[in-house]
Each structure stands twice: as C-alpha cells, then as structure tokens.
Amino acid sequence: MGIRVVSDSACDLPAHLVEALGIEVVPLTIRFGAEEFVDQEELTTPEFWDRVEHFDGLPETSAPAPGAFEARFRHLIERGATGIVCINLSSHLSGTMQSAQVAAAAVARECPVQVIDSQSASMGQGNLCLTAARRAADGDPLEKIVHIRKSGRIGNARALLGSMLSIKPIIEIREGIVEEVSKVRTRSKALRELAAKARESKIEHLAVLHGNAPDLEELLELLDPIFPRDEIITGIVGPVIGTHAGPRVIGVSYQVVP
C-alpha cells in the first residue's frame, strides 16, 4: 500500500478527488443547539447549508477525539501502509491536530505517522493533501512528502465573507491565523480583489470554494485570464468551515510556486 494520506473534514476536498487519490478523511462534529452530527456521515454538505438557512442561532464545531484518528491509522496499517502523512486544519483554529498527534504516538511502534499543521483551512489545507497524495502515488518516500510543508508550496486560503452592515470583509489565513485583508462596499469589488490576489504570484492548484454563492460564475470569469478554467477545482464549502464563514461565502485557494 505504501504511504497514505489522512486529513480531517475541514479540508473541503471534493469527494471524487478523495476517492481517486485514496485520501482518508476523519470527520469533525457539527452542533446545532442540542443536536450533534458527524460531518459527512450524519450530515451532508447540502443538509448543513439548508439547516443554516433555517436555524435560529449559530452552529458550532468540535474536533475529533484521538481515537477517531487512531482507528483510521490502524485501519491503514492493517491494509499495509508503510507510512502515514496526516495533514490537519490549522492548530491556531482547532484542536484537531492535537488529537492526530496523540493518535500518531499510539501507533508509532507499528508505523511512522507524520502529523502536519497545514496552517490553513478548506482547500488551502486540501491542496496540501492533494500534493502529498500525488507524491505518494508516484512512490516518493515519507521524508520527501513531508517536505511539502517546508518547501514554500503552501496553500493560501482566502475567503470572502458574508455582508455585515453593507461591508464585505476579505480575510486571509496567513501562517495559520485568520487575518483581515481589507473591507469593500460591494461584493463585486470584493470578487475583483480576490482575483487580484491570485494574480500577485505565480500559482498552481487554484480552487474556488463557496457556500451557495450566487456569483460563482462572476468570480470564475475574473480568474479566466489568470488560470485555465478547466484546471480550476470548484466545490462547496463544507460544514466545518461553513459554520464559521456563513452562507454565500466564496473564496480562492492556491499554492504559490517558489
């Protein structure tokens, strides 16, 4: 089986890529009041967004227990994994990585497990998973795959949040921390600024994620001169990130080529 890649459900990877590359995803838990749901097992992404629209309050998330990661690691070891790379949601945003580290220590005598802080979220995290899984499929050793976090090929997750008092804040996840980049008065200006951010550097693995945003096509058209449309990954923001980003969020994620 060789090297396998594990992540958590904050990565927002499209299901077809998870299946094609054999990436294992450990789910977080989503809470709506007293009701709890295991992400993607008891609550799909469309069901989540429907609940958000009708829920009087704000949902919450909780990290997986170490046992959830340990069970997934042991499953892969039993199937012949010789090494595991676990890429997690920014440790500044969640305790998910700490659970993975506890689990990695529990199986250390049976299989090497490298836990990586993506210092990102959504497809910023997901892009690292894709790179790691593709390198594993090419036969790269564990040490070389782990080097992705140190080589500068880091996902830059940027998101446009929903409106508040007619202000559209643009945020960036930088070194694992959410920071405000700017505020604009109209959503169209915010979309243009997102495209301008993507134009600042030579990039690869561009993805556009949204939470039922009505202007997805507008952003894709703005990105057309920057990146081939057929190579852009598009997807829906999942429950973990959607809990904090809100309805109609839209954003871009990519890796900067060193």
C-alpha atoms as a PDB file:
ATOM      1  CA  MET A   1       0.000   0.000   0.000  1.00  0.00           C
ATOM      2  CA  GLY A   2       2.956   2.354   0.621  1.00  0.00           C
ATOM      3  CA  ILE A   3       2.451   5.872   2.021  1.00  0.00           C
ATOM      4  CA  ARG A   4      -1.104   7.009   2.741  1.00  0.00           C
ATOM      5  CA  VAL A   5      -2.566  10.457   3.370  1.00  0.00           C
ATOM      6  CA  VAL A   6      -5.078  11.292   6.095  1.00  0.00           C
ATOM      7  CA  SER A   7      -6.824  14.613   6.739  1.00  0.00           C
ATOM      8  CA  ASP A   8      -9.859  15.971   8.571  1.00  0.00           C
ATOM      9  CA  SER A   9     -13.147  17.175   7.168  1.00  0.00           C
ATOM     10  CA  ALA A  10     -12.126  20.841   7.294  1.00  0.00           C
ATOM     11  CA  CYS A  11     -10.149  20.186   4.090  1.00  0.00           C
ATOM     12  CA  ASP A  12     -13.263  20.546   1.867  1.00  0.00           C
ATOM     13  CA  LEU A  13     -11.862  18.157  -0.751  1.00  0.00           C
ATOM     14  CA  PRO A  14     -14.365  17.144  -3.437  1.00  0.00           C
ATOM     15  CA  ALA A  15     -15.442  13.529  -2.977  1.00  0.00           C
ATOM     16  CA  HIS A  16     -14.177  12.430  -6.405  1.00  0.00           C
ATOM     17  CA  LEU A  17     -10.636  13.570  -5.575  1.00  0.00           C
ATOM     18  CA  VAL A  18     -10.719  11.898  -2.152  1.00  0.00           C
ATOM     19  CA  GLU A  19     -11.741   8.626  -3.801  1.00  0.00           C
ATOM     20  CA  ALA A  20      -9.356   8.880  -6.743  1.00  0.00           C
ATOM     21  CA  LEU A  21      -6.311   9.552  -4.574  1.00  0.00           C
ATOM     22  CA  GLY A  22      -7.257   7.310  -1.656  1.00  0.00           C
ATOM     23  CA  ILE A  23      -7.223  10.094   0.929  1.00  0.00           C
ATOM     24  CA  GLU A  24      -8.743   9.216   4.309  1.00  0.00           C
ATOM     25  CA  VAL A  25     -10.838  11.964   5.932  1.00  0.00           C
ATOM     26  CA  VAL A  26     -11.572  11.961   9.674  1.00  0.00           C
ATOM     27  CA  PRO A  27     -14.762  13.939  10.409  1.00  0.00           C
ATOM     28  CA  LEU A  28     -15.296  16.728  12.899  1.00  0.00           C
ATOM     29  CA  THR A  29     -18.638  17.101  14.686  1.00  0.00           C
ATOM     30  CA  ILE A  30     -21.196  19.820  13.943  1.00  0.00           C
ATOM     31  CA  ARG A  31     -23.658  21.022  16.589  1.00  0.00           C
ATOM     32  CA  PHE A  32     -26.955  22.791  16.015  1.00  0.00           C
ATOM     33  CA  GLY A  33     -28.102  23.550  19.528  1.00  0.00           C
ATOM     34  CA  ALA A  34     -28.519  20.212  21.336  1.00  0.00           C
ATOM     35  CA  GLU A  35     -28.233  18.194  18.117  1.00  0.00           C
ATOM     36  CA  GLU A  36     -24.850  16.780  17.110  1.00  0.00           C
ATOM     37  CA  PHE A  37     -23.884  15.379  13.721  1.00  0.00           C
ATOM     38  CA  VAL A  38     -20.758  13.668  12.453  1.00  0.00           C
ATOM     39  CA  ASP A  39     -19.647  15.624   9.401  1.00  0.00           C
ATOM     40  CA  GLN A  40     -20.413  13.840   6.094  1.00  0.00           C
ATOM     41  CA  GLU A  41     -21.585  10.710   7.921  1.00  0.00           C
ATOM     42  CA  GLU A  42     -24.699  12.067   9.606  1.00  0.00           C
ATOM     43  CA  LEU A  43     -24.847  15.454   7.903  1.00  0.00           C
ATOM     44  CA  THR A  44     -24.142  16.109   4.235  1.00  0.00           C
ATOM     45  CA  THR A  45     -22.967  19.487   2.972  1.00  0.00           C
ATOM     46  CA  PRO A  46     -26.323  20.338   1.298  1.00  0.00           C
ATOM     47  CA  GLU A  47     -28.148  19.344   4.509  1.00  0.00           C
ATOM     48  CA  PHE A  48     -25.821  21.577   6.515  1.00  0.00           C
ATOM     49  CA  TRP A  49     -26.466  24.649   4.372  1.00  0.00           C
ATOM     50  CA  ASP A  50     -30.209  24.018   4.489  1.00  0.00           C
ATOM     51  CA  ARG A  51     -30.092  23.854   8.284  1.00  0.00           C
ATOM     52  CA  VAL A  52     -28.034  27.051   8.462  1.00  0.00           C
ATOM     53  CA  GLU A  53     -30.695  28.923   6.499  1.00  0.00           C
ATOM     54  CA  HIS A  54     -33.429  27.859   8.934  1.00  0.00           C
ATOM     55  CA  PHE A  55     -31.552  27.626  12.231  1.00  0.00           C
ATOM     56  CA  ASP A  56     -32.119  30.417  14.758  1.00  0.00           C
ATOM     57  CA  GLY A  57     -28.592  30.727  16.057  1.00  0.00           C
ATOM     58  CA  LEU A  58     -25.053  29.734  15.111  1.00  0.00           C
ATOM     59  CA  PRO A  59     -23.807  26.155  14.694  1.00  0.00           C
ATOM     60  CA  GLU A  60     -20.608  25.023  16.390  1.00  0.00           C
ATOM     61  CA  THR A  61     -17.876  22.501  15.664  1.00  0.00           C
ATOM     62  CA  SER A  62     -15.780  20.160  17.787  1.00  0.00           C
ATOM     63  CA  ALA A  63     -12.575  18.308  16.983  1.00  0.00           C
ATOM     64  CA  PRO A  64     -12.428  14.539  16.519  1.00  0.00           C
ATOM     65  CA  ALA A  65     -11.290  12.512  19.524  1.00  0.00           C
ATOM     66  CA  PRO A  66      -7.802  10.968  19.282  1.00  0.00           C
ATOM     67  CA  GLY A  67      -9.481   7.585  18.992  1.00  0.00           C
ATOM     68  CA  ALA A  68     -11.042   8.560  15.668  1.00  0.00           C
ATOM     69  CA  PHE A  69      -7.619   9.210  14.171  1.00  0.00           C
ATOM     70  CA  GLU A  70      -6.104   6.135  15.814  1.00  0.00           C
ATOM     71  CA  ALA A  71      -8.826   3.911  14.360  1.00  0.00           C
ATOM     72  CA  ARG A  72      -8.172   5.319  10.876  1.00  0.00           C
ATOM     73  CA  PHE A  73      -4.410   4.928  11.251  1.00  0.00           C
ATOM     74  CA  ARG A  74      -4.761   1.321  12.412  1.00  0.00           C
ATOM     75  CA  HIS A  75      -7.095   0.557   9.533  1.00  0.00           C
ATOM     76  CA  LEU A  76      -4.463   1.754   7.070  1.00  0.00           C
ATOM     77  CA  ILE A  77      -1.678  -0.113   8.882  1.00  0.00           C
ATOM     78  CA  GLU A  78      -3.692  -3.347   8.728  1.00  0.00           C
ATOM     79  CA  ARG A  79      -4.039  -2.828   4.987  1.00  0.00           C
ATOM     80  CA  GLY A  80      -0.292  -2.493   4.560  1.00  0.00           C
ATOM     81  CA  ALA A  81       0.536   1.216   4.916  1.00  0.00           C
ATOM     82  CA  THR A  82       4.274   1.702   5.443  1.00  0.00           C
ATOM     83  CA  GLY A  83       3.919   5.343   6.447  1.00  0.00           C
ATOM     84  CA  ILE A  84       1.147   7.892   7.008  1.00  0.00           C
ATOM     85  CA  VAL A  85       1.043  11.647   6.431  1.00  0.00           C
ATOM     86  CA  CYS A  86      -1.750  13.373   8.364  1.00  0.00           C
ATOM     87  CA  ILE A  87      -2.456  16.956   7.255  1.00  0.00           C
ATOM     88  CA  ASN A  88      -4.734  18.889   9.570  1.00  0.00           C
ATOM     89  CA  LEU A  89      -6.684  22.099   9.993  1.00  0.00           C
ATOM     90  CA  SER A  90      -4.547  24.946  11.362  1.00  0.00           C
ATOM     91  CA  SER A  91      -3.656  24.339  15.004  1.00  0.00           C
ATOM     92  CA  HIS A  92      -4.472  28.011  15.637  1.00  0.00           C
ATOM     93  CA  LEU A  93      -8.091  27.348  14.678  1.00  0.00           C
ATOM     94  CA  SER A  94      -8.842  23.935  16.194  1.00  0.00           C
ATOM     95  CA  GLY A  95      -7.587  21.187  18.485  1.00  0.00           C
ATOM     96  CA  THR A  96      -7.872  18.673  15.643  1.00  0.00           C
ATOM     97  CA  MET A  97      -4.125  18.404  15.071  1.00  0.00           C
ATOM     98  CA  GLN A  98      -3.520  17.676  18.748  1.00  0.00           C
ATOM     99  CA  SER A  99      -5.882  14.695  18.523  1.00  0.00           C
ATOM    100  CA  ALA A 100      -3.964  13.439  15.490  1.00  0.00           C
ATOM    101  CA  GLN A 101      -0.656  13.784  17.351  1.00  0.00           C
ATOM    102  CA  VAL A 102      -1.930  11.699  20.278  1.00  0.00           C
ATOM    103  CA  ALA A 103      -3.103   9.041  17.842  1.00  0.00           C
ATOM    104  CA  ALA A 104       0.200   9.090  15.963  1.00  0.00           C
ATOM    105  CA  ALA A 105       2.086   8.427  19.201  1.00  0.00           C
ATOM    106  CA  ALA A 106      -0.221   5.497  19.967  1.00  0.00           C
ATOM    107  CA  VAL A 107       0.709   3.692  16.716  1.00  0.00           C
ATOM    108  CA  ALA A 108       4.321   4.871  16.456  1.00  0.00           C
ATOM    109  CA  ARG A 109       5.794   1.402  17.073  1.00  0.00           C
ATOM    110  CA  GLU A 110       3.732  -0.067  14.252  1.00  0.00           C
ATOM    111  CA  CYS A 111       4.017   2.614  11.567  1.00  0.00           C
ATOM    112  CA  PRO A 112       5.601   6.081  11.232  1.00  0.00           C
ATOM    113  CA  VAL A 113       2.967   8.821  11.188  1.00  0.00           C
ATOM    114  CA  GLN A 114       3.923  12.416  10.372  1.00  0.00           C
ATOM    115  CA  VAL A 115       1.338  14.950  11.536  1.00  0.00           C
ATOM    116  CA  ILE A 116       1.491  18.238   9.621  1.00  0.00           C
ATOM    117  CA  ASP A 117      -0.088  21.536  10.614  1.00  0.00           C
ATOM    118  CA  SER A 118      -1.437  22.878   7.316  1.00  0.00           C
ATOM    119  CA  GLN A 119      -1.570  26.373   8.841  1.00  0.00           C
ATOM    120  CA  SER A 120      -4.589  26.713   6.612  1.00  0.00           C
ATOM    121  CA  ALA A 121      -8.178  25.550   6.147  1.00  0.00           C
ATOM    122  CA  SER A 122     -10.628  24.478   3.464  1.00  0.00           C
ATOM    123  CA  MET A 123      -8.868  23.923   0.127  1.00  0.00           C
ATOM    124  CA  GLY A 124      -5.722  25.634   1.421  1.00  0.00           C
ATOM    125  CA  GLN A 125      -5.451  22.521   3.554  1.00  0.00           C
ATOM    126  CA  GLY A 126      -6.945  20.340   0.837  1.00  0.00           C
ATOM    127  CA  ASN A 127      -4.350  21.372  -1.742  1.00  0.00           C
ATOM    128  CA  LEU A 128      -1.571  20.133   0.533  1.00  0.00           C
ATOM    129  CA  CYS A 129      -3.404  16.813   0.798  1.00  0.00           C
ATOM    130  CA  LEU A 130      -3.625  16.546  -2.990  1.00  0.00           C
ATOM    131  CA  THR A 131       0.076  17.278  -3.408  1.00  0.00           C
ATOM    132  CA  ALA A 132       1.014  14.725  -0.741  1.00  0.00           C
ATOM    133  CA  ALA A 133      -1.277  12.039  -2.172  1.00  0.00           C
ATOM    134  CA  ARG A 134       0.052  12.535  -5.706  1.00  0.00           C
ATOM    135  CA  ARG A 135       3.626  12.269  -4.480  1.00  0.00           C
ATOM    136  CA  ALA A 136       2.747   9.133  -2.532  1.00  0.00           C
ATOM    137  CA  ALA A 137       1.214   7.637  -5.685  1.00  0.00           C
ATOM    138  CA  ASP A 138       4.458   8.440  -7.521  1.00  0.00           C
ATOM    139  CA  GLY A 139       6.373   6.438  -4.935  1.00  0.00           C
ATOM    140  CA  ASP A 140       8.034   9.282  -3.037  1.00  0.00           C
ATOM    141  CA  PRO A 141       9.300   8.311   0.441  1.00  0.00           C
ATOM    142  CA  LEU A 142       7.680   9.666   3.587  1.00  0.00           C
ATOM    143  CA  GLU A 143      10.511  12.124   4.269  1.00  0.00           C
ATOM    144  CA  LYS A 144      10.167  13.754   0.849  1.00  0.00           C
ATOM    145  CA  ILE A 145       6.381  14.002   1.067  1.00  0.00           C
ATOM    146  CA  VAL A 146       6.562  15.644   4.488  1.00  0.00           C
ATOM    147  CA  HIS A 147       8.887  18.269   2.954  1.00  0.00           C
ATOM    148  CA  ILE A 148       5.896  19.862   1.186  1.00  0.00           C
ATOM    149  CA  ARG A 149       5.202  21.876   4.334  1.00  0.00           C
ATOM    150  CA  LYS A 150       8.735  23.296   4.383  1.00  0.00           C
ATOM    151  CA  SER A 151       9.261  23.950   0.696  1.00  0.00           C
ATOM    152  CA  GLY A 152       7.100  27.061   0.378  1.00  0.00           C
ATOM    153  CA  ARG A 153       4.372  25.240  -1.582  1.00  0.00           C
ATOM    154  CA  ILE A 154       1.785  26.262   0.951  1.00  0.00           C
ATOM    155  CA  GLY A 155      -1.899  26.756   0.251  1.00  0.00           C
ATOM    156  CA  ASN A 156      -3.023  30.343   0.677  1.00  0.00           C
ATOM    157  CA  ALA A 157      -6.674  30.136   1.665  1.00  0.00           C
ATOM    158  CA  ARG A 158      -8.542  33.361   1.104  1.00  0.00           C
ATOM    159  CA  ALA A 159     -12.251  33.823   1.594  1.00  0.00           C
ATOM    160  CA  LEU A 160     -14.864  36.474   1.058  1.00  0.00           C
ATOM    161  CA  LEU A 161     -17.273  36.511   3.997  1.00  0.00           C
ATOM    162  CA  GLY A 162     -20.926  37.389   4.049  1.00  0.00           C
ATOM    163  CA  SER A 163     -22.021  41.004   4.409  1.00  0.00           C
ATOM    164  CA  MET A 164     -22.313  42.916   7.669  1.00  0.00           C
ATOM    165  CA  LEU A 165     -23.572  46.489   7.685  1.00  0.00           C
ATOM    166  CA  SER A 166     -23.004  46.603   3.913  1.00  0.00           C
ATOM    167  CA  ILE A 167     -19.270  45.953   4.396  1.00  0.00           C
ATOM    168  CA  LYS A 168     -17.710  42.946   2.664  1.00  0.00           C
ATOM    169  CA  PRO A 169     -14.628  41.866   4.625  1.00  0.00           C
ATOM    170  CA  ILE A 170     -11.909  39.912   2.843  1.00  0.00           C
ATOM    171  CA  ILE A 171      -9.928  37.621   5.093  1.00  0.00           C
ATOM    172  CA  GLU A 172      -6.803  35.567   4.606  1.00  0.00           C
ATOM    173  CA  ILE A 173      -5.421  32.610   6.527  1.00  0.00           C
ATOM    174  CA  ARG A 174      -1.793  33.574   6.992  1.00  0.00           C
ATOM    175  CA  GLU A 175       0.563  31.294   8.942  1.00  0.00           C
ATOM    176  CA  GLY A 176      -2.497  29.513  10.284  1.00  0.00           C
ATOM    177  CA  ILE A 177      -4.222  32.625  11.645  1.00  0.00           C
ATOM    178  CA  VAL A 178      -7.267  34.376  10.209  1.00  0.00           C
ATOM    179  CA  GLU A 179      -6.441  37.981   9.344  1.00  0.00           C
ATOM    180  CA  GLU A 180      -8.486  40.696   7.711  1.00  0.00           C
ATOM    181  CA  VAL A 181      -7.018  41.890   4.421  1.00  0.00           C
ATOM    182  CA  SER A 182      -9.465  44.648   3.557  1.00  0.00           C
ATOM    183  CA  LYS A 183     -13.073  45.783   3.515  1.00  0.00           C
ATOM    184  CA  VAL A 184     -15.014  46.902   0.470  1.00  0.00           C
ATOM    185  CA  ARG A 185     -18.503  48.273  -0.025  1.00  0.00           C
ATOM    186  CA  THR A 186     -19.752  45.963  -2.756  1.00  0.00           C
ATOM    187  CA  ARG A 187     -19.487  42.265  -3.380  1.00  0.00           C
ATOM    188  CA  SER A 188     -18.371  42.812  -6.974  1.00  0.00           C
ATOM    189  CA  LYS A 189     -15.391  44.836  -5.739  1.00  0.00           C
ATOM    190  CA  ALA A 190     -14.598  42.060  -3.289  1.00  0.00           C
ATOM    191  CA  LEU A 191     -14.604  39.485  -6.085  1.00  0.00           C
ATOM    192  CA  ARG A 192     -12.256  41.645  -8.138  1.00  0.00           C
ATOM    193  CA  GLU A 193      -9.915  41.920  -5.163  1.00  0.00           C
ATOM    194  CA  LEU A 194      -9.888  38.138  -4.741  1.00  0.00           C
ATOM    195  CA  ALA A 195      -8.904  37.744  -8.388  1.00  0.00           C
ATOM    196  CA  ALA A 196      -6.226  40.413  -7.964  1.00  0.00           C
ATOM    197  CA  LYS A 197      -4.761  38.493  -5.017  1.00  0.00           C
ATOM    198  CA  ALA A 198      -4.469  35.384  -7.178  1.00  0.00           C
ATOM    199  CA  ARG A 199      -2.686  37.451  -9.847  1.00  0.00           C
ATOM    200  CA  GLU A 200       0.068  38.627  -7.480  1.00  0.00           C
ATOM    201  CA  SER A 201       2.168  35.443  -7.701  1.00  0.00           C
ATOM    202  CA  LYS A 202       2.864  32.511  -9.964  1.00  0.00           C
ATOM    203  CA  ILE A 203       0.364  29.940  -8.730  1.00  0.00           C
ATOM    204  CA  GLU A 204      -0.778  26.366  -9.198  1.00  0.00           C
ATOM    205  CA  HIS A 205      -3.650  24.196  -7.961  1.00  0.00           C
ATOM    206  CA  LEU A 206      -6.203  27.004  -7.946  1.00  0.00           C
ATOM    207  CA  ALA A 207      -9.518  26.193  -6.263  1.00  0.00           C
ATOM    208  CA  VAL A 208     -12.712  28.181  -5.792  1.00  0.00           C
ATOM    209  CA  LEU A 209     -14.933  27.214  -2.845  1.00  0.00           C
ATOM    210  CA  HIS A 210     -18.282  28.722  -1.952  1.00  0.00           C
ATOM    211  CA  GLY A 211     -21.312  28.336   0.291  1.00  0.00           C
ATOM    212  CA  ASN A 212     -24.136  28.506  -2.253  1.00  0.00           C
ATOM    213  CA  ALA A 213     -22.767  31.809  -3.534  1.00  0.00           C
ATOM    214  CA  PRO A 214     -24.876  33.299  -6.352  1.00  0.00           C
ATOM    215  CA  ASP A 215     -21.866  34.905  -8.062  1.00  0.00           C
ATOM    216  CA  LEU A 216     -19.601  31.881  -8.558  1.00  0.00           C
ATOM    217  CA  GLU A 217     -19.554  32.367 -12.339  1.00  0.00           C
ATOM    218  CA  GLU A 218     -18.605  36.022 -11.938  1.00  0.00           C
ATOM    219  CA  LEU A 219     -15.522  35.079  -9.943  1.00  0.00           C
ATOM    220  CA  LEU A 220     -14.590  32.307 -12.373  1.00  0.00           C
ATOM    221  CA  GLU A 221     -14.755  34.793 -15.249  1.00  0.00           C
ATOM    222  CA  LEU A 222     -12.442  37.155 -13.359  1.00  0.00           C
ATOM    223  CA  LEU A 223      -9.995  34.289 -12.876  1.00  0.00           C
ATOM    224  CA  ASP A 224     -10.098  33.265 -16.560  1.00  0.00           C
ATOM    225  CA  PRO A 225      -7.121  35.448 -17.614  1.00  0.00           C
ATOM    226  CA  ILE A 226      -5.085  34.115 -14.683  1.00  0.00           C
ATOM    227  CA  PHE A 227      -5.624  30.369 -14.762  1.00  0.00           C
ATOM    228  CA  PRO A 228      -7.116  27.837 -17.223  1.00  0.00           C
ATOM    229  CA  ARG A 229     -10.799  27.355 -16.365  1.00  0.00           C
ATOM    230  CA  ASP A 230     -10.709  23.585 -16.872  1.00  0.00           C
ATOM    231  CA  GLU A 231      -7.932  23.256 -14.282  1.00  0.00           C
ATOM    232  CA  ILE A 232      -9.731  25.180 -11.528  1.00  0.00           C
ATOM    233  CA  ILE A 233     -11.183  22.960  -8.808  1.00  0.00           C
ATOM    234  CA  THR A 234     -14.616  24.187  -7.752  1.00  0.00           C
ATOM    235  CA  GLY A 235     -16.547  22.943  -4.765  1.00  0.00           C
ATOM    236  CA  ILE A 236     -18.885  23.687  -1.893  1.00  0.00           C
ATOM    237  CA  VAL A 237     -17.535  24.833   1.477  1.00  0.00           C
ATOM    238  CA  GLY A 238     -18.276  22.044   3.939  1.00  0.00           C
ATOM    239  CA  PRO A 239     -19.895  22.210   7.384  1.00  0.00           C
ATOM    240  CA  VAL A 240     -16.695  22.744   9.399  1.00  0.00           C
ATOM    241  CA  ILE A 241     -15.577  25.908   7.612  1.00  0.00           C
ATOM    242  CA  GLY A 242     -19.131  26.886   6.693  1.00  0.00           C
ATOM    243  CA  THR A 243     -20.023  27.062  10.399  1.00  0.00           C
ATOM    244  CA  HIS A 244     -17.636  29.977  10.807  1.00  0.00           C
ATOM    245  CA  ALA A 245     -17.795  31.536   7.333  1.00  0.00           C
ATOM    246  CA  GLY A 246     -21.549  31.668   6.852  1.00  0.00           C
ATOM    247  CA  PRO A 247     -23.905  31.431   3.849  1.00  0.00           C
ATOM    248  CA  ARG A 248     -22.795  32.715   0.440  1.00  0.00           C
ATOM    249  CA  VAL A 249     -19.133  32.770   1.425  1.00  0.00           C
ATOM    250  CA  ILE A 250     -16.830  32.498  -1.572  1.00  0.00           C
ATOM    251  CA  GLY A 251     -13.078  32.277  -1.762  1.00  0.00           C
ATOM    252  CA  VAL A 252      -9.984  31.177  -3.634  1.00  0.00           C
ATOM    253  CA  SER A 253      -7.180  28.884  -2.588  1.00  0.00           C
ATOM    254  CA  TYR A 254      -3.971  28.130  -4.398  1.00  0.00           C
ATOM    255  CA  GLN A 255      -0.345  27.202  -3.958  1.00  0.00           C
ATOM    256  CA  VAL A 256       2.391  29.687  -4.703  1.00  0.00           C
ATOM    257  CA  VAL A 257       5.139  28.313  -6.910  1.00  0.00           C
ATOM    258  CA  PRO A 258       8.515  29.083  -5.247  1.00  0.00           C
END
